[in-house]
Amino acid sequence: MGDQDTSIKTTKEVRDRLKALASERGTTMNDLLEELVTRELTEEEKEQRAQYAIEEIRQTTGVTVTDEARAKARTFLEGLGRESHAA
């Protein structure tokens, strides 16, 4: 990411967990954090990927995905997410 170090304030519990996870993976806390934050997408990145996928669908199949269809799909996926967290 960059070559300048900085500090992040967190609780002892979070720090200790990061330290343990990094140790188990044979890496540093910094490298573990970098892996975690690069794996997660921002809302803007998610929207860009969705737009790209919609355009791929249109070009490949000729089908235009409507905003209504996107909203239904989003609701469905959010429901799946809630179910997996409840399990």
PDB file of N, CA and C in Angstrom:
ATOM      1  N   MET A   1       0.833  -1.193   0.000  1.00  0.00           N
ATOM      2  CA  MET A   1       0.000   0.000   0.000  1.00  0.00           C
ATOM      3  C   MET A   1       0.871   1.247   0.000  1.00  0.00           C
ATOM      4  N   GLY A   2       1.665   1.425   1.046  1.00  0.00           N
ATOM      5  CA  GLY A   2       2.543   2.568   1.114  1.00  0.00           C
ATOM      6  C   GLY A   2       3.730   2.221   1.971  1.00  0.00           C
ATOM      7  N   ASP A   3       4.679   3.139   2.053  1.00  0.00           N
ATOM      8  CA  ASP A   3       5.853   2.819   2.843  1.00  0.00           C
ATOM      9  C   ASP A   3       5.952   3.661   4.100  1.00  0.00           C
ATOM     10  N   GLN A   4       4.933   4.436   4.417  1.00  0.00           N
ATOM     11  CA  GLN A   4       4.937   5.211   5.648  1.00  0.00           C
ATOM     12  C   GLN A   4       4.081   4.505   6.678  1.00  0.00           C
ATOM     13  N   ASP A   5       4.660   4.306   7.865  1.00  0.00           N
ATOM     14  CA  ASP A   5       3.917   3.674   8.952  1.00  0.00           C
ATOM     15  C   ASP A   5       3.054   4.696   9.656  1.00  0.00           C
ATOM     16  N   THR A   6       1.972   4.218  10.237  1.00  0.00           N
ATOM     17  CA  THR A   6       1.096   5.038  11.052  1.00  0.00           C
ATOM     18  C   THR A   6       0.547   4.162  12.159  1.00  0.00           C
ATOM     19  N   SER A   7      -0.202   4.729  13.046  1.00  0.00           N
ATOM     20  CA  SER A   7      -0.776   3.976  14.155  1.00  0.00           C
ATOM     21  C   SER A   7      -2.291   3.958  14.039  1.00  0.00           C
ATOM     22  N   ILE A   8      -2.873   2.884  14.545  1.00  0.00           N
ATOM     23  CA  ILE A   8      -4.321   2.744  14.605  1.00  0.00           C
ATOM     24  C   ILE A   8      -4.674   2.465  16.057  1.00  0.00           C
ATOM     25  N   LYS A   9      -5.604   3.243  16.605  1.00  0.00           N
ATOM     26  CA  LYS A   9      -6.039   2.980  17.981  1.00  0.00           C
ATOM     27  C   LYS A   9      -7.126   1.914  17.962  1.00  0.00           C
ATOM     28  N   THR A  10      -6.974   0.934  18.843  1.00  0.00           N
ATOM     29  CA  THR A  10      -7.958  -0.129  18.963  1.00  0.00           C
ATOM     30  C   THR A  10      -7.918  -0.653  20.395  1.00  0.00           C
ATOM     31  N   THR A  11      -8.783  -1.567  20.692  1.00  0.00           N
ATOM     32  CA  THR A  11      -8.794  -2.144  22.036  1.00  0.00           C
ATOM     33  C   THR A  11      -7.700  -3.205  22.151  1.00  0.00           C
ATOM     34  N   LYS A  12      -7.347  -3.543  23.382  1.00  0.00           N
ATOM     35  CA  LYS A  12      -6.359  -4.597  23.610  1.00  0.00           C
ATOM     36  C   LYS A  12      -6.855  -5.920  23.038  1.00  0.00           C
ATOM     37  N   GLU A  13      -8.148  -6.164  23.174  1.00  0.00           N
ATOM     38  CA  GLU A  13      -8.718  -7.424  22.691  1.00  0.00           C
ATOM     39  C   GLU A  13      -8.546  -7.561  21.183  1.00  0.00           C
ATOM     40  N   VAL A  14      -8.826  -6.478  20.457  1.00  0.00           N
ATOM     41  CA  VAL A  14      -8.674  -6.515  18.992  1.00  0.00           C
ATOM     42  C   VAL A  14      -7.206  -6.672  18.628  1.00  0.00           C
ATOM     43  N   ARG A  15      -6.339  -5.936  19.303  1.00  0.00           N
ATOM     44  CA  ARG A  15      -4.897  -6.042  19.033  1.00  0.00           C
ATOM     45  C   ARG A  15      -4.401  -7.461  19.283  1.00  0.00           C
ATOM     46  N   ASP A  16      -4.824  -8.039  20.410  1.00  0.00           N
ATOM     47  CA  ASP A  16      -4.373  -9.395  20.738  1.00  0.00           C
ATOM     48  C   ASP A  16      -4.891 -10.409  19.725  1.00  0.00           C
ATOM     49  N   ARG A  17      -6.124 -10.213  19.269  1.00  0.00           N
ATOM     50  CA  ARG A  17      -6.682 -11.132  18.261  1.00  0.00           C
ATOM     51  C   ARG A  17      -5.932 -10.994  16.939  1.00  0.00           C
ATOM     52  N   LEU A  18      -5.656  -9.774  16.523  1.00  0.00           N
ATOM     53  CA  LEU A  18      -4.873  -9.559  15.299  1.00  0.00           C
ATOM     54  C   LEU A  18      -3.506 -10.221  15.407  1.00  0.00           C
ATOM     55  N   LYS A  19      -2.890 -10.062  16.559  1.00  0.00           N
ATOM     56  CA  LYS A  19      -1.568 -10.647  16.790  1.00  0.00           C
ATOM     57  C   LYS A  19      -1.631 -12.171  16.683  1.00  0.00           C
ATOM     58  N   ALA A  20      -2.650 -12.773  17.301  1.00  0.00           N
ATOM     59  CA  ALA A  20      -2.804 -14.228  17.251  1.00  0.00           C
ATOM     60  C   ALA A  20      -3.081 -14.716  15.833  1.00  0.00           C
ATOM     61  N   LEU A  21      -3.980 -14.020  15.120  1.00  0.00           N
ATOM     62  CA  LEU A  21      -4.295 -14.412  13.741  1.00  0.00           C
ATOM     63  C   LEU A  21      -3.071 -14.299  12.844  1.00  0.00           C
ATOM     64  N   ALA A  22      -2.338 -13.211  12.993  1.00  0.00           N
ATOM     65  CA  ALA A  22      -1.131 -13.022  12.184  1.00  0.00           C
ATOM     66  C   ALA A  22      -0.111 -14.113  12.481  1.00  0.00           C
ATOM     67  N   SER A  23       0.056 -14.436  13.756  1.00  0.00           N
ATOM     68  CA  SER A  23       1.008 -15.472  14.146  1.00  0.00           C
ATOM     69  C   SER A  23       0.623 -16.821  13.553  1.00  0.00           C
ATOM     70  N   GLU A  24      -0.658 -17.164  13.622  1.00  0.00           N
ATOM     71  CA  GLU A  24      -1.129 -18.437  13.055  1.00  0.00           C
ATOM     72  C   GLU A  24      -0.872 -18.523  11.562  1.00  0.00           C
ATOM     73  N   ARG A  25      -0.934 -17.376  10.882  1.00  0.00           N
ATOM     74  CA  ARG A  25      -0.737 -17.353   9.432  1.00  0.00           C
ATOM     75  C   ARG A  25       0.731 -17.147   9.042  1.00  0.00           C
ATOM     76  N   GLY A  26       1.576 -16.972  10.039  1.00  0.00           N
ATOM     77  CA  GLY A  26       2.992 -16.753   9.754  1.00  0.00           C
ATOM     78  C   GLY A  26       3.244 -15.428   9.076  1.00  0.00           C
ATOM     79  N   THR A  27       2.501 -14.398   9.470  1.00  0.00           N
ATOM     80  CA  THR A  27       2.639 -13.091   8.859  1.00  0.00           C
ATOM     81  C   THR A  27       2.652 -12.028   9.946  1.00  0.00           C
ATOM     82  N   THR A  28       2.722 -10.775   9.541  1.00  0.00           N
ATOM     83  CA  THR A  28       2.696  -9.671  10.500  1.00  0.00           C
ATOM     84  C   THR A  28       1.282  -9.119  10.618  1.00  0.00           C
ATOM     85  N   MET A  29       1.034  -8.376  11.698  1.00  0.00           N
ATOM     86  CA  MET A  29      -0.279  -7.744  11.845  1.00  0.00           C
ATOM     87  C   MET A  29      -0.528  -6.784  10.690  1.00  0.00           C
ATOM     88  N   ASN A  30       0.493  -6.053  10.270  1.00  0.00           N
ATOM     89  CA  ASN A  30       0.337  -5.111   9.163  1.00  0.00           C
ATOM     90  C   ASN A  30      -0.052  -5.834   7.877  1.00  0.00           C
ATOM     91  N   ASP A  31       0.637  -6.926   7.574  1.00  0.00           N
ATOM     92  CA  ASP A  31       0.316  -7.670   6.354  1.00  0.00           C
ATOM     93  C   ASP A  31      -1.077  -8.282   6.428  1.00  0.00           C
ATOM     94  N   LEU A  32      -1.475  -8.740   7.620  1.00  0.00           N
ATOM     95  CA  LEU A  32      -2.817  -9.286   7.793  1.00  0.00           C
ATOM     96  C   LEU A  32      -3.861  -8.206   7.569  1.00  0.00           C
ATOM     97  N   LEU A  33      -3.658  -7.028   8.141  1.00  0.00           N
ATOM     98  CA  LEU A  33      -4.592  -5.921   7.940  1.00  0.00           C
ATOM     99  C   LEU A  33      -4.665  -5.523   6.470  1.00  0.00           C
ATOM    100  N   GLU A  34      -3.517  -5.477   5.815  1.00  0.00           N
ATOM    101  CA  GLU A  34      -3.494  -5.124   4.394  1.00  0.00           C
ATOM    102  C   GLU A  34      -4.298  -6.141   3.581  1.00  0.00           C
ATOM    103  N   GLU A  35      -4.135  -7.425   3.901  1.00  0.00           N
ATOM    104  CA  GLU A  35      -4.894  -8.470   3.210  1.00  0.00           C
ATOM    105  C   GLU A  35      -6.399  -8.281   3.427  1.00  0.00           C
ATOM    106  N   LEU A  36      -6.774  -8.007   4.665  1.00  0.00           N
ATOM    107  CA  LEU A  36      -8.193  -7.839   4.982  1.00  0.00           C
ATOM    108  C   LEU A  36      -8.806  -6.643   4.262  1.00  0.00           C
ATOM    109  N   VAL A  37      -8.111  -5.507   4.272  1.00  0.00           N
ATOM    110  CA  VAL A  37      -8.705  -4.311   3.669  1.00  0.00           C
ATOM    111  C   VAL A  37      -8.682  -4.343   2.147  1.00  0.00           C
ATOM    112  N   THR A  38      -7.754  -5.081   1.558  1.00  0.00           N
ATOM    113  CA  THR A  38      -7.764  -5.171   0.094  1.00  0.00           C
ATOM    114  C   THR A  38      -8.787  -6.197  -0.386  1.00  0.00           C
ATOM    115  N   ARG A  39      -9.180  -7.121   0.485  1.00  0.00           N
ATOM    116  CA  ARG A  39     -10.167  -8.138   0.121  1.00  0.00           C
ATOM    117  C   ARG A  39     -11.578  -7.559   0.124  1.00  0.00           C
ATOM    118  N   GLU A  40     -11.844  -6.603   0.995  1.00  0.00           N
ATOM    119  CA  GLU A  40     -13.169  -6.014   1.118  1.00  0.00           C
ATOM    120  C   GLU A  40     -13.360  -4.906   0.087  1.00  0.00           C
ATOM    121  N   LEU A  41     -14.547  -4.824  -0.470  1.00  0.00           N
ATOM    122  CA  LEU A  41     -14.847  -3.792  -1.457  1.00  0.00           C
ATOM    123  C   LEU A  41     -15.601  -2.641  -0.806  1.00  0.00           C
ATOM    124  N   THR A  42     -15.322  -1.425  -1.279  1.00  0.00           N
ATOM    125  CA  THR A  42     -16.115  -0.279  -0.855  1.00  0.00           C
ATOM    126  C   THR A  42     -17.457  -0.338  -1.586  1.00  0.00           C
ATOM    127  N   GLU A  43     -18.419   0.441  -1.134  1.00  0.00           N
ATOM    128  CA  GLU A  43     -19.720   0.479  -1.808  1.00  0.00           C
ATOM    129  C   GLU A  43     -19.559   0.933  -3.256  1.00  0.00           C
ATOM    130  N   GLU A  44     -18.682   1.899  -3.496  1.00  0.00           N
ATOM    131  CA  GLU A  44     -18.448   2.377  -4.859  1.00  0.00           C
ATOM    132  C   GLU A  44     -17.873   1.256  -5.735  1.00  0.00           C
ATOM    133  N   GLU A  45     -16.938   0.493  -5.197  1.00  0.00           N
ATOM    134  CA  GLU A  45     -16.356  -0.624  -5.954  1.00  0.00           C
ATOM    135  C   GLU A  45     -17.399  -1.690  -6.249  1.00  0.00           C
ATOM    136  N   LYS A  46     -18.283  -1.969  -5.278  1.00  0.00           N
ATOM    137  CA  LYS A  46     -19.361  -2.933  -5.502  1.00  0.00           C
ATOM    138  C   LYS A  46     -20.280  -2.462  -6.621  1.00  0.00           C
ATOM    139  N   GLU A  47     -20.612  -1.184  -6.617  1.00  0.00           N
ATOM    140  CA  GLU A  47     -21.484  -0.632  -7.661  1.00  0.00           C
ATOM    141  C   GLU A  47     -20.806  -0.699  -9.026  1.00  0.00           C
ATOM    142  N   GLN A  48     -19.519  -0.406  -9.078  1.00  0.00           N
ATOM    143  CA  GLN A  48     -18.789  -0.492 -10.349  1.00  0.00           C
ATOM    144  C   GLN A  48     -18.800  -1.917 -10.885  1.00  0.00           C
ATOM    145  N   ARG A  49     -18.591  -2.891 -10.011  1.00  0.00           N
ATOM    146  CA  ARG A  49     -18.612  -4.293 -10.434  1.00  0.00           C
ATOM    147  C   ARG A  49     -20.004  -4.699 -10.903  1.00  0.00           C
ATOM    148  N   ALA A  50     -21.025  -4.208 -10.205  1.00  0.00           N
ATOM    149  CA  ALA A  50     -22.400  -4.523 -10.609  1.00  0.00           C
ATOM    150  C   ALA A  50     -22.682  -3.946 -11.993  1.00  0.00           C
ATOM    151  N   GLN A  51     -22.273  -2.716 -12.225  1.00  0.00           N
ATOM    152  CA  GLN A  51     -22.486  -2.092 -13.543  1.00  0.00           C
ATOM    153  C   GLN A  51     -21.742  -2.861 -14.630  1.00  0.00           C
ATOM    154  N   TYR A  52     -20.542  -3.303 -14.337  1.00  0.00           N
ATOM    155  CA  TYR A  52     -19.765  -4.083 -15.292  1.00  0.00           C
ATOM    156  C   TYR A  52     -20.486  -5.395 -15.600  1.00  0.00           C
ATOM    157  N   ALA A  53     -20.982  -6.069 -14.560  1.00  0.00           N
ATOM    158  CA  ALA A  53     -21.685  -7.339 -14.754  1.00  0.00           C
ATOM    159  C   ALA A  53     -22.958  -7.141 -15.567  1.00  0.00           C
ATOM    160  N   ILE A  54     -23.686  -6.072 -15.290  1.00  0.00           N
ATOM    161  CA  ILE A  54     -24.922  -5.782 -16.028  1.00  0.00           C
ATOM    162  C   ILE A  54     -24.613  -5.549 -17.501  1.00  0.00           C
ATOM    163  N   GLU A  55     -23.536  -4.835 -17.774  1.00  0.00           N
ATOM    164  CA  GLU A  55     -23.144  -4.592 -19.167  1.00  0.00           C
ATOM    165  C   GLU A  55     -22.703  -5.893 -19.838  1.00  0.00           C
ATOM    166  N   GLU A  56     -22.001  -6.756 -19.116  1.00  0.00           N
ATOM    167  CA  GLU A  56     -21.611  -8.058 -19.661  1.00  0.00           C
ATOM    168  C   GLU A  56     -22.843  -8.891 -20.001  1.00  0.00           C
ATOM    169  N   ILE A  57     -23.836  -8.883 -19.128  1.00  0.00           N
ATOM    170  CA  ILE A  57     -25.087  -9.615 -19.376  1.00  0.00           C
ATOM    171  C   ILE A  57     -25.751  -9.080 -20.637  1.00  0.00           C
ATOM    172  N   ARG A  58     -25.823  -7.745 -20.752  1.00  0.00           N
ATOM    173  CA  ARG A  58     -26.471  -7.135 -21.918  1.00  0.00           C
ATOM    174  C   ARG A  58     -25.740  -7.506 -23.203  1.00  0.00           C
ATOM    175  N   GLN A  59     -24.405  -7.431 -23.173  1.00  0.00           N
ATOM    176  CA  GLN A  59     -23.637  -7.724 -24.382  1.00  0.00           C
ATOM    177  C   GLN A  59     -23.701  -9.206 -24.748  1.00  0.00           C
ATOM    178  N   THR A  60     -23.712 -10.062 -23.749  1.00  0.00           N
ATOM    179  CA  THR A  60     -23.689 -11.504 -23.994  1.00  0.00           C
ATOM    180  C   THR A  60     -25.051 -12.056 -24.374  1.00  0.00           C
ATOM    181  N   THR A  61     -26.090 -11.574 -23.690  1.00  0.00           N
ATOM    182  CA  THR A  61     -27.415 -12.166 -23.887  1.00  0.00           C
ATOM    183  C   THR A  61     -28.416 -11.245 -24.564  1.00  0.00           C
ATOM    184  N   GLY A  62     -28.107  -9.949 -24.602  1.00  0.00           N
ATOM    185  CA  GLY A  62     -29.056  -8.997 -25.141  1.00  0.00           C
ATOM    186  C   GLY A  62     -30.110  -8.579 -24.124  1.00  0.00           C
ATOM    187  N   VAL A  63     -30.023  -9.127 -22.907  1.00  0.00           N
ATOM    188  CA  VAL A  63     -30.997  -8.813 -21.857  1.00  0.00           C
ATOM    189  C   VAL A  63     -30.519  -7.586 -21.086  1.00  0.00           C
ATOM    190  N   THR A  64     -31.430  -6.635 -20.877  1.00  0.00           N
ATOM    191  CA  THR A  64     -31.135  -5.464 -20.064  1.00  0.00           C
ATOM    192  C   THR A  64     -31.681  -5.701 -18.670  1.00  0.00           C
ATOM    193  N   VAL A  65     -30.826  -5.599 -17.677  1.00  0.00           N
ATOM    194  CA  VAL A  65     -31.234  -5.778 -16.281  1.00  0.00           C
ATOM    195  C   VAL A  65     -31.826  -4.468 -15.795  1.00  0.00           C
ATOM    196  N   THR A  66     -33.080  -4.531 -15.357  1.00  0.00           N
ATOM    197  CA  THR A  66     -33.762  -3.322 -14.898  1.00  0.00           C
ATOM    198  C   THR A  66     -33.396  -3.004 -13.450  1.00  0.00           C
ATOM    199  N   ASP A  67     -33.678  -1.772 -13.050  1.00  0.00           N
ATOM    200  CA  ASP A  67     -33.461  -1.381 -11.654  1.00  0.00           C
ATOM    201  C   ASP A  67     -34.330  -2.220 -10.731  1.00  0.00           C
ATOM    202  N   GLU A  68     -35.542  -2.562 -11.193  1.00  0.00           N
ATOM    203  CA  GLU A  68     -36.444  -3.393 -10.389  1.00  0.00           C
ATOM    204  C   GLU A  68     -35.833  -4.783 -10.170  1.00  0.00           C
ATOM    205  N   ALA A  69     -35.263  -5.352 -11.205  1.00  0.00           N
ATOM    206  CA  ALA A  69     -34.637  -6.669 -11.082  1.00  0.00           C
ATOM    207  C   ALA A  69     -33.440  -6.612 -10.140  1.00  0.00           C
ATOM    208  N   ARG A  70     -32.660  -5.534 -10.234  1.00  0.00           N
ATOM    209  CA  ARG A  70     -31.520  -5.363  -9.330  1.00  0.00           C
ATOM    210  C   ARG A  70     -31.988  -5.259  -7.884  1.00  0.00           C
ATOM    211  N   ALA A  71     -33.070  -4.515  -7.652  1.00  0.00           N
ATOM    212  CA  ALA A  71     -33.590  -4.357  -6.291  1.00  0.00           C
ATOM    213  C   ALA A  71     -34.071  -5.694  -5.740  1.00  0.00           C
ATOM    214  N   LYS A  72     -34.751  -6.482  -6.573  1.00  0.00           N
ATOM    215  CA  LYS A  72     -35.207  -7.802  -6.131  1.00  0.00           C
ATOM    216  C   LYS A  72     -34.024  -8.706  -5.806  1.00  0.00           C
ATOM    217  N   ALA A  73     -33.009  -8.678  -6.645  1.00  0.00           N
ATOM    218  CA  ALA A  73     -31.824  -9.500  -6.417  1.00  0.00           C
ATOM    219  C   ALA A  73     -31.119  -9.069  -5.134  1.00  0.00           C
ATOM    220  N   ARG A  74     -31.019  -7.750  -4.919  1.00  0.00           N
ATOM    221  CA  ARG A  74     -30.364  -7.242  -3.714  1.00  0.00           C
ATOM    222  C   ARG A  74     -31.123  -7.694  -2.463  1.00  0.00           C
ATOM    223  N   THR A  75     -32.449  -7.599  -2.485  1.00  0.00           N
ATOM    224  CA  THR A  75     -33.267  -8.027  -1.358  1.00  0.00           C
ATOM    225  C   THR A  75     -33.080  -9.519  -1.097  1.00  0.00           C
ATOM    226  N   PHE A  76     -33.061 -10.313  -2.161  1.00  0.00           N
ATOM    227  CA  PHE A  76     -32.858 -11.755  -2.039  1.00  0.00           C
ATOM    228  C   PHE A  76     -31.503 -12.062  -1.402  1.00  0.00           C
ATOM    229  N   LEU A  77     -30.451 -11.405  -1.892  1.00  0.00           N
ATOM    230  CA  LEU A  77     -29.105 -11.652  -1.373  1.00  0.00           C
ATOM    231  C   LEU A  77     -28.961 -11.179   0.075  1.00  0.00           C
ATOM    232  N   GLU A  78     -29.575 -10.063   0.411  1.00  0.00           N
ATOM    233  CA  GLU A  78     -29.540  -9.601   1.796  1.00  0.00           C
ATOM    234  C   GLU A  78     -30.228 -10.597   2.706  1.00  0.00           C
ATOM    235  N   GLY A  79     -31.339 -11.187   2.232  1.00  0.00           N
ATOM    236  CA  GLY A  79     -32.032 -12.212   3.008  1.00  0.00           C
ATOM    237  C   GLY A  79     -31.153 -13.418   3.242  1.00  0.00           C
ATOM    238  N   LEU A  80     -30.406 -13.821   2.218  1.00  0.00           N
ATOM    239  CA  LEU A  80     -29.469 -14.949   2.379  1.00  0.00           C
ATOM    240  C   LEU A  80     -28.401 -14.613   3.398  1.00  0.00           C
ATOM    241  N   GLY A  81     -27.927 -13.371   3.373  1.00  0.00           N
ATOM    242  CA  GLY A  81     -26.906 -12.947   4.327  1.00  0.00           C
ATOM    243  C   GLY A  81     -27.420 -12.997   5.754  1.00  0.00           C
ATOM    244  N   ARG A  82     -28.656 -12.560   5.950  1.00  0.00           N
ATOM    245  CA  ARG A  82     -29.245 -12.608   7.298  1.00  0.00           C
ATOM    246  C   ARG A  82     -29.405 -14.046   7.767  1.00  0.00           C
ATOM    247  N   GLU A  83     -29.806 -14.935   6.863  1.00  0.00           N
ATOM    248  CA  GLU A  83     -29.977 -16.334   7.227  1.00  0.00           C
ATOM    249  C   GLU A  83     -28.644 -16.972   7.608  1.00  0.00           C
ATOM    250  N   SER A  84     -27.589 -16.653   6.895  1.00  0.00           N
ATOM    251  CA  SER A  84     -26.289 -17.263   7.201  1.00  0.00           C
ATOM    252  C   SER A  84     -25.736 -16.752   8.516  1.00  0.00           C
ATOM    253  N   HIS A  85     -26.036 -15.490   8.878  1.00  0.00           N
ATOM    254  CA  HIS A  85     -25.573 -14.956  10.159  1.00  0.00           C
ATOM    255  C   HIS A  85     -26.384 -15.517  11.317  1.00  0.00           C
ATOM    256  N   ALA A  86     -27.625 -15.886  11.054  1.00  0.00           N
ATOM    257  CA  ALA A  86     -28.491 -16.426  12.112  1.00  0.00           C
ATOM    258  C   ALA A  86     -28.161 -17.872  12.430  1.00  0.00           C
ATOM    259  N   ALA A  87     -27.546 -18.563  11.471  1.00  0.00           N
ATOM    260  CA  ALA A  87     -27.256 -19.994  11.644  1.00  0.00           C
ATOM    261  C   ALA A  87     -26.142 -20.243  12.620  1.00  0.00           C
TER     262      ALA A  87
END
